[in-house]
Amino acid sequence: MKPQHTLGRATAPDGRELVLYERDGVYAIRVNGLELMSSRAHGSEEELARLTLARVQGVPRSVLIGGLGMGYTLRAVLDA
């Protein structure tokens, strides 16, 4: 098994620790040791963008995307 590397860590305002890890080219964000998201599985983020844009008439001039993530929703919106 390849080693896991800690790339960065931060403390959220509520005191929880957020840590970004990398192992064999796969990135993961964990909060207090629990995996929040990973670069290995991101289909739900892309589907969220697709479903949202399908409800908009025409090409939107602007889209607000918020939250903690790795940019997959943003990339899907920009690609659309």
PDB file of N, CA and C in Angstrom:
ATOM      1  N   MET A   1       0.851  -1.188   0.000  1.00  0.00           N
ATOM      2  CA  MET A   1       0.000   0.000   0.000  1.00  0.00           C
ATOM      3  C   MET A   1       0.888   1.240   0.000  1.00  0.00           C
ATOM      4  N   LYS A   2       0.518   2.193  -0.833  1.00  0.00           N
ATOM      5  CA  LYS A   2       1.287   3.438  -0.911  1.00  0.00           C
ATOM      6  C   LYS A   2       0.989   4.311   0.307  1.00  0.00           C
ATOM      7  N   PRO A   3       1.972   5.115   0.710  1.00  0.00           N
ATOM      8  CA  PRO A   3       1.760   5.965   1.886  1.00  0.00           C
ATOM      9  C   PRO A   3       0.796   7.114   1.601  1.00  0.00           C
ATOM     10  N   GLN A   4       0.147   7.535   2.636  1.00  0.00           N
ATOM     11  CA  GLN A   4      -0.767   8.684   2.582  1.00  0.00           C
ATOM     12  C   GLN A   4       0.008   9.922   3.011  1.00  0.00           C
ATOM     13  N   HIS A   5      -0.172  11.012   2.255  1.00  0.00           N
ATOM     14  CA  HIS A   5       0.526  12.257   2.556  1.00  0.00           C
ATOM     15  C   HIS A   5      -0.479  13.325   2.972  1.00  0.00           C
ATOM     16  N   THR A   6      -0.189  14.007   4.061  1.00  0.00           N
ATOM     17  CA  THR A   6      -1.010  15.140   4.479  1.00  0.00           C
ATOM     18  C   THR A   6      -0.514  16.368   3.733  1.00  0.00           C
ATOM     19  N   LEU A   7      -1.418  16.996   2.975  1.00  0.00           N
ATOM     20  CA  LEU A   7      -1.051  18.164   2.173  1.00  0.00           C
ATOM     21  C   LEU A   7      -1.360  19.472   2.869  1.00  0.00           C
ATOM     22  N   GLY A   8      -2.334  19.447   3.756  1.00  0.00           N
ATOM     23  CA  GLY A   8      -2.695  20.666   4.467  1.00  0.00           C
ATOM     24  C   GLY A   8      -3.749  20.378   5.512  1.00  0.00           C
ATOM     25  N   ARG A   9      -3.833  21.270   6.481  1.00  0.00           N
ATOM     26  CA  ARG A   9      -4.845  21.132   7.525  1.00  0.00           C
ATOM     27  C   ARG A   9      -5.263  22.512   7.990  1.00  0.00           C
ATOM     28  N   ALA A  10      -6.508  22.581   8.465  1.00  0.00           N
ATOM     29  CA  ALA A  10      -7.051  23.852   8.959  1.00  0.00           C
ATOM     30  C   ALA A  10      -8.086  23.533  10.026  1.00  0.00           C
ATOM     31  N   THR A  11      -8.322  24.495  10.880  1.00  0.00           N
ATOM     32  CA  THR A  11      -9.351  24.354  11.903  1.00  0.00           C
ATOM     33  C   THR A  11     -10.541  25.214  11.505  1.00  0.00           C
ATOM     34  N   ALA A  12     -11.708  24.585  11.448  1.00  0.00           N
ATOM     35  CA  ALA A  12     -12.945  25.301  11.116  1.00  0.00           C
ATOM     36  C   ALA A  12     -13.360  26.156  12.311  1.00  0.00           C
ATOM     37  N   PRO A  13     -14.229  27.143  12.088  1.00  0.00           N
ATOM     38  CA  PRO A  13     -14.680  27.999  13.192  1.00  0.00           C
ATOM     39  C   PRO A  13     -15.302  27.223  14.356  1.00  0.00           C
ATOM     40  N   ASP A  14     -15.877  26.045  14.059  1.00  0.00           N
ATOM     41  CA  ASP A  14     -16.489  25.259  15.139  1.00  0.00           C
ATOM     42  C   ASP A  14     -15.491  24.341  15.838  1.00  0.00           C
ATOM     43  N   GLY A  15     -14.207  24.437  15.444  1.00  0.00           N
ATOM     44  CA  GLY A  15     -13.167  23.659  16.098  1.00  0.00           C
ATOM     45  C   GLY A  15     -12.826  22.345  15.422  1.00  0.00           C
ATOM     46  N   ARG A  16     -13.592  21.946  14.436  1.00  0.00           N
ATOM     47  CA  ARG A  16     -13.302  20.692  13.736  1.00  0.00           C
ATOM     48  C   ARG A  16     -12.073  20.857  12.852  1.00  0.00           C
ATOM     49  N   GLU A  17     -11.321  19.782  12.713  1.00  0.00           N
ATOM     50  CA  GLU A  17     -10.116  19.819  11.896  1.00  0.00           C
ATOM     51  C   GLU A  17     -10.408  19.299  10.494  1.00  0.00           C
ATOM     52  N   LEU A  18     -10.061  20.083   9.476  1.00  0.00           N
ATOM     53  CA  LEU A  18     -10.161  19.690   8.088  1.00  0.00           C
ATOM     54  C   LEU A  18      -8.767  19.359   7.593  1.00  0.00           C
ATOM     55  N   VAL A  19      -8.620  18.203   6.946  1.00  0.00           N
ATOM     56  CA  VAL A  19      -7.307  17.782   6.470  1.00  0.00           C
ATOM     57  C   VAL A  19      -7.424  17.317   5.023  1.00  0.00           C
ATOM     58  N   LEU A  20      -6.493  17.761   4.176  1.00  0.00           N
ATOM     59  CA  LEU A  20      -6.416  17.318   2.791  1.00  0.00           C
ATOM     60  C   LEU A  20      -5.304  16.285   2.690  1.00  0.00           C
ATOM     61  N   TYR A  21      -5.654  15.098   2.186  1.00  0.00           N
ATOM     62  CA  TYR A  21      -4.708  13.996   2.036  1.00  0.00           C
ATOM     63  C   TYR A  21      -4.555  13.645   0.566  1.00  0.00           C
ATOM     64  N   GLU A  22      -3.427  12.993   0.251  1.00  0.00           N
ATOM     65  CA  GLU A  22      -3.201  12.436  -1.075  1.00  0.00           C
ATOM     66  C   GLU A  22      -2.574  11.071  -0.909  1.00  0.00           C
ATOM     67  N   ARG A  23      -3.073  10.113  -1.697  1.00  0.00           N
ATOM     68  CA  ARG A  23      -2.477   8.775  -1.730  1.00  0.00           C
ATOM     69  C   ARG A  23      -2.607   8.257  -3.151  1.00  0.00           C
ATOM     70  N   ASP A  24      -1.478   8.012  -3.781  1.00  0.00           N
ATOM     71  CA  ASP A  24      -1.443   7.431  -5.122  1.00  0.00           C
ATOM     72  C   ASP A  24      -2.298   8.213  -6.121  1.00  0.00           C
ATOM     73  N   GLY A  25      -2.237   9.545  -6.054  1.00  0.00           N
ATOM     74  CA  GLY A  25      -2.955  10.391  -6.992  1.00  0.00           C
ATOM     75  C   GLY A  25      -4.413  10.645  -6.665  1.00  0.00           C
ATOM     76  N   VAL A  26      -4.899  10.108  -5.561  1.00  0.00           N
ATOM     77  CA  VAL A  26      -6.280  10.325  -5.129  1.00  0.00           C
ATOM     78  C   VAL A  26      -6.253  11.286  -3.947  1.00  0.00           C
ATOM     79  N   TYR A  27      -7.059  12.340  -4.033  1.00  0.00           N
ATOM     80  CA  TYR A  27      -7.127  13.354  -2.982  1.00  0.00           C
ATOM     81  C   TYR A  27      -8.403  13.159  -2.174  1.00  0.00           C
ATOM     82  N   ALA A  28      -8.312  13.452  -0.883  1.00  0.00           N
ATOM     83  CA  ALA A  28      -9.480  13.317  -0.008  1.00  0.00           C
ATOM     84  C   ALA A  28      -9.477  14.437   1.023  1.00  0.00           C
ATOM     85  N   ILE A  29     -10.678  14.917   1.340  1.00  0.00           N
ATOM     86  CA  ILE A  29     -10.858  15.887   2.420  1.00  0.00           C
ATOM     87  C   ILE A  29     -11.536  15.159   3.558  1.00  0.00           C
ATOM     88  N   ARG A  30     -10.957  15.257   4.738  1.00  0.00           N
ATOM     89  CA  ARG A  30     -11.539  14.633   5.925  1.00  0.00           C
ATOM     90  C   ARG A  30     -11.813  15.701   6.971  1.00  0.00           C
ATOM     91  N   VAL A  31     -12.899  15.506   7.695  1.00  0.00           N
ATOM     92  CA  VAL A  31     -13.268  16.380   8.803  1.00  0.00           C
ATOM     93  C   VAL A  31     -13.320  15.511  10.048  1.00  0.00           C
ATOM     94  N   ASN A  32     -12.478  15.836  11.020  1.00  0.00           N
ATOM     95  CA  ASN A  32     -12.361  15.039  12.249  1.00  0.00           C
ATOM     96  C   ASN A  32     -12.194  13.553  11.949  1.00  0.00           C
ATOM     97  N   GLY A  33     -11.395  13.246  10.916  1.00  0.00           N
ATOM     98  CA  GLY A  33     -11.088  11.864  10.582  1.00  0.00           C
ATOM     99  C   GLY A  33     -12.093  11.181   9.671  1.00  0.00           C
ATOM    100  N   LEU A  34     -13.229  11.792   9.395  1.00  0.00           N
ATOM    101  CA  LEU A  34     -14.245  11.196   8.522  1.00  0.00           C
ATOM    102  C   LEU A  34     -14.122  11.783   7.121  1.00  0.00           C
ATOM    103  N   GLU A  35     -14.086  10.917   6.113  1.00  0.00           N
ATOM    104  CA  GLU A  35     -13.928  11.398   4.752  1.00  0.00           C
ATOM    105  C   GLU A  35     -15.180  12.136   4.284  1.00  0.00           C
ATOM    106  N   LEU A  36     -14.982  13.377   3.884  1.00  0.00           N
ATOM    107  CA  LEU A  36     -16.073  14.211   3.411  1.00  0.00           C
ATOM    108  C   LEU A  36     -16.251  14.043   1.906  1.00  0.00           C
ATOM    109  N   MET A  37     -15.147  14.073   1.182  1.00  0.00           N
ATOM    110  CA  MET A  37     -15.206  13.850  -0.252  1.00  0.00           C
ATOM    111  C   MET A  37     -13.847  13.422  -0.761  1.00  0.00           C
ATOM    112  N   SER A  38     -13.870  12.847  -1.984  1.00  0.00           N
ATOM    113  CA  SER A  38     -12.657  12.308  -2.571  1.00  0.00           C
ATOM    114  C   SER A  38     -12.646  12.588  -4.070  1.00  0.00           C
ATOM    115  N   SER A  39     -11.458  12.664  -4.640  1.00  0.00           N
ATOM    116  CA  SER A  39     -11.355  12.845  -6.085  1.00  0.00           C
ATOM    117  C   SER A  39     -11.669  11.545  -6.824  1.00  0.00           C
ATOM    118  N   ARG A  40     -11.805  10.466  -6.107  1.00  0.00           N
ATOM    119  CA  ARG A  40     -12.123   9.172  -6.711  1.00  0.00           C
ATOM    120  C   ARG A  40     -13.597   9.078  -7.108  1.00  0.00           C
ATOM    121  N   ALA A  41     -14.484   9.734  -6.355  1.00  0.00           N
ATOM    122  CA  ALA A  41     -15.931   9.655  -6.619  1.00  0.00           C
ATOM    123  C   ALA A  41     -16.519  11.057  -6.575  1.00  0.00           C
ATOM    124  N   HIS A  42     -16.898  11.570  -7.743  1.00  0.00           N
ATOM    125  CA  HIS A  42     -17.423  12.935  -7.783  1.00  0.00           C
ATOM    126  C   HIS A  42     -18.605  13.072  -8.740  1.00  0.00           C
ATOM    127  N   GLY A  43     -19.243  11.981  -9.056  1.00  0.00           N
ATOM    128  CA  GLY A  43     -20.384  12.013  -9.970  1.00  0.00           C
ATOM    129  C   GLY A  43     -21.563  12.810  -9.449  1.00  0.00           C
ATOM    130  N   SER A  44     -21.766  12.800  -8.131  1.00  0.00           N
ATOM    131  CA  SER A  44     -22.917  13.541  -7.579  1.00  0.00           C
ATOM    132  C   SER A  44     -22.738  15.043  -7.761  1.00  0.00           C
ATOM    133  N   GLU A  45     -21.516  15.541  -7.681  1.00  0.00           N
ATOM    134  CA  GLU A  45     -21.268  16.962  -7.888  1.00  0.00           C
ATOM    135  C   GLU A  45     -21.553  17.356  -9.333  1.00  0.00           C
ATOM    136  N   GLU A  46     -21.134  16.511 -10.269  1.00  0.00           N
ATOM    137  CA  GLU A  46     -21.384  16.789 -11.681  1.00  0.00           C
ATOM    138  C   GLU A  46     -22.873  16.707 -12.008  1.00  0.00           C
ATOM    139  N   GLU A  47     -23.559  15.758 -11.415  1.00  0.00           N
ATOM    140  CA  GLU A  47     -25.009  15.619 -11.632  1.00  0.00           C
ATOM    141  C   GLU A  47     -25.767  16.808 -11.051  1.00  0.00           C
ATOM    142  N   LEU A  48     -25.338  17.313  -9.916  1.00  0.00           N
ATOM    143  CA  LEU A  48     -25.963  18.501  -9.328  1.00  0.00           C
ATOM    144  C   LEU A  48     -25.884  19.678 -10.302  1.00  0.00           C
ATOM    145  N   ALA A  49     -24.738  19.871 -10.905  1.00  0.00           N
ATOM    146  CA  ALA A  49     -24.587  20.958 -11.884  1.00  0.00           C
ATOM    147  C   ALA A  49     -25.494  20.729 -13.084  1.00  0.00           C
ATOM    148  N   ARG A  50     -25.533  19.508 -13.593  1.00  0.00           N
ATOM    149  CA  ARG A  50     -26.352  19.202 -14.762  1.00  0.00           C
ATOM    150  C   ARG A  50     -27.831  19.432 -14.477  1.00  0.00           C
ATOM    151  N   LEU A  51     -28.307  18.932 -13.350  1.00  0.00           N
ATOM    152  CA  LEU A  51     -29.723  19.086 -12.998  1.00  0.00           C
ATOM    153  C   LEU A  51     -30.099  20.552 -12.788  1.00  0.00           C
ATOM    154  N   THR A  52     -29.217  21.292 -12.168  1.00  0.00           N
ATOM    155  CA  THR A  52     -29.493  22.714 -11.921  1.00  0.00           C
ATOM    156  C   THR A  52     -29.557  23.493 -13.228  1.00  0.00           C
ATOM    157  N   LEU A  53     -28.582  23.283 -14.092  1.00  0.00           N
ATOM    158  CA  LEU A  53     -28.558  24.014 -15.357  1.00  0.00           C
ATOM    159  C   LEU A  53     -29.725  23.616 -16.255  1.00  0.00           C
ATOM    160  N   ALA A  54     -30.227  22.399 -16.119  1.00  0.00           N
ATOM    161  CA  ALA A  54     -31.367  21.957 -16.920  1.00  0.00           C
ATOM    162  C   ALA A  54     -32.636  22.731 -16.568  1.00  0.00           C
ATOM    163  N   ARG A  55     -32.692  23.286 -15.364  1.00  0.00           N
ATOM    164  CA  ARG A  55     -33.867  24.044 -14.925  1.00  0.00           C
ATOM    165  C   ARG A  55     -33.817  25.514 -15.338  1.00  0.00           C
ATOM    166  N   VAL A  56     -32.687  25.961 -15.836  1.00  0.00           N
ATOM    167  CA  VAL A  56     -32.504  27.368 -16.204  1.00  0.00           C
ATOM    168  C   VAL A  56     -32.867  27.545 -17.676  1.00  0.00           C
ATOM    169  N   GLN A  57     -33.602  28.617 -17.978  1.00  0.00           N
ATOM    170  CA  GLN A  57     -33.945  28.935 -19.367  1.00  0.00           C
ATOM    171  C   GLN A  57     -32.750  29.597 -20.040  1.00  0.00           C
ATOM    172  N   GLY A  58     -32.218  28.995 -21.079  1.00  0.00           N
ATOM    173  CA  GLY A  58     -31.082  29.577 -21.794  1.00  0.00           C
ATOM    174  C   GLY A  58     -29.793  29.438 -21.002  1.00  0.00           C
ATOM    175  N   VAL A  59     -28.782  30.152 -21.438  1.00  0.00           N
ATOM    176  CA  VAL A  59     -27.473  30.123 -20.779  1.00  0.00           C
ATOM    177  C   VAL A  59     -27.455  31.181 -19.686  1.00  0.00           C
ATOM    178  N   PRO A  60     -27.232  30.781 -18.439  1.00  0.00           N
ATOM    179  CA  PRO A  60     -27.212  31.778 -17.360  1.00  0.00           C
ATOM    180  C   PRO A  60     -26.008  32.703 -17.481  1.00  0.00           C
ATOM    181  N   ARG A  61     -26.210  33.951 -17.104  1.00  0.00           N
ATOM    182  CA  ARG A  61     -25.098  34.909 -17.125  1.00  0.00           C
ATOM    183  C   ARG A  61     -24.165  34.693 -15.951  1.00  0.00           C
ATOM    184  N   SER A  62     -24.717  34.212 -14.842  1.00  0.00           N
ATOM    185  CA  SER A  62     -23.882  33.939 -13.678  1.00  0.00           C
ATOM    186  C   SER A  62     -24.490  32.792 -12.890  1.00  0.00           C
ATOM    187  N   VAL A  63     -23.625  32.072 -12.191  1.00  0.00           N
ATOM    188  CA  VAL A  63     -24.032  30.942 -11.362  1.00  0.00           C
ATOM    189  C   VAL A  63     -23.263  31.036 -10.056  1.00  0.00           C
ATOM    190  N   LEU A  64     -23.964  30.923  -8.955  1.00  0.00           N
ATOM    191  CA  LEU A  64     -23.306  30.926  -7.653  1.00  0.00           C
ATOM    192  C   LEU A  64     -23.167  29.489  -7.174  1.00  0.00           C
ATOM    193  N   ILE A  65     -21.936  29.084  -6.903  1.00  0.00           N
ATOM    194  CA  ILE A  65     -21.652  27.745  -6.389  1.00  0.00           C
ATOM    195  C   ILE A  65     -20.959  27.939  -5.055  1.00  0.00           C
ATOM    196  N   GLY A  66     -21.537  27.389  -4.002  1.00  0.00           N
ATOM    197  CA  GLY A  66     -20.949  27.560  -2.682  1.00  0.00           C
ATOM    198  C   GLY A  66     -20.723  26.232  -1.997  1.00  0.00           C
ATOM    199  N   GLY A  67     -19.830  26.242  -1.037  1.00  0.00           N
ATOM    200  CA  GLY A  67     -19.616  25.045  -0.238  1.00  0.00           C
ATOM    201  C   GLY A  67     -18.171  24.598  -0.259  1.00  0.00           C
ATOM    202  N   LEU A  68     -17.928  23.595   0.519  1.00  0.00           N
ATOM    203  CA  LEU A  68     -16.599  22.999   0.596  1.00  0.00           C
ATOM    204  C   LEU A  68     -16.489  21.941  -0.483  1.00  0.00           C
ATOM    205  N   GLY A  69     -15.431  21.972  -1.241  1.00  0.00           N
ATOM    206  CA  GLY A  69     -15.315  20.973  -2.289  1.00  0.00           C
ATOM    207  C   GLY A  69     -13.995  21.012  -3.009  1.00  0.00           C
ATOM    208  N   MET A  70     -13.954  20.244  -4.091  1.00  0.00           N
ATOM    209  CA  MET A  70     -12.742  20.122  -4.885  1.00  0.00           C
ATOM    210  C   MET A  70     -12.892  20.740  -6.264  1.00  0.00           C
ATOM    211  N   GLY A  71     -14.014  21.398  -6.518  1.00  0.00           N
ATOM    212  CA  GLY A  71     -14.186  22.106  -7.775  1.00  0.00           C
ATOM    213  C   GLY A  71     -14.885  21.332  -8.874  1.00  0.00           C
ATOM    214  N   TYR A  72     -15.403  20.144  -8.597  1.00  0.00           N
ATOM    215  CA  TYR A  72     -16.046  19.353  -9.647  1.00  0.00           C
ATOM    216  C   TYR A  72     -17.366  19.967 -10.109  1.00  0.00           C
ATOM    217  N   THR A  73     -18.140  20.556  -9.206  1.00  0.00           N
ATOM    218  CA  THR A  73     -19.375  21.217  -9.606  1.00  0.00           C
ATOM    219  C   THR A  73     -19.051  22.431 -10.465  1.00  0.00           C
ATOM    220  N   LEU A  74     -18.082  23.216 -10.063  1.00  0.00           N
ATOM    221  CA  LEU A  74     -17.658  24.376 -10.838  1.00  0.00           C
ATOM    222  C   LEU A  74     -17.208  23.954 -12.227  1.00  0.00           C
ATOM    223  N   ARG A  75     -16.383  22.922 -12.323  1.00  0.00           N
ATOM    224  CA  ARG A  75     -15.891  22.471 -13.619  1.00  0.00           C
ATOM    225  C   ARG A  75     -17.037  22.023 -14.531  1.00  0.00           C
ATOM    226  N   ALA A  76     -18.010  21.316 -13.955  1.00  0.00           N
ATOM    227  CA  ALA A  76     -19.153  20.861 -14.743  1.00  0.00           C
ATOM    228  C   ALA A  76     -19.981  22.022 -15.261  1.00  0.00           C
ATOM    229  N   VAL A  77     -20.171  23.058 -14.440  1.00  0.00           N
ATOM    230  CA  VAL A  77     -20.919  24.245 -14.871  1.00  0.00           C
ATOM    231  C   VAL A  77     -20.152  24.962 -15.975  1.00  0.00           C
ATOM    232  N   LEU A  78     -18.870  25.144 -15.818  1.00  0.00           N
ATOM    233  CA  LEU A  78     -18.070  25.821 -16.833  1.00  0.00           C
ATOM    234  C   LEU A  78     -18.045  25.032 -18.142  1.00  0.00           C
ATOM    235  N   ASP A  79     -18.011  23.716 -18.057  1.00  0.00           N
ATOM    236  CA  ASP A  79     -18.008  22.878 -19.256  1.00  0.00           C
ATOM    237  C   ASP A  79     -19.346  22.931 -19.993  1.00  0.00           C
ATOM    238  N   ALA A  80     -20.428  23.206 -19.246  1.00  0.00           N
ATOM    239  CA  ALA A  80     -21.751  23.262 -19.871  1.00  0.00           C
ATOM    240  C   ALA A  80     -21.881  24.547 -20.646  1.00  0.00           C
TER     241      ALA A  80
END
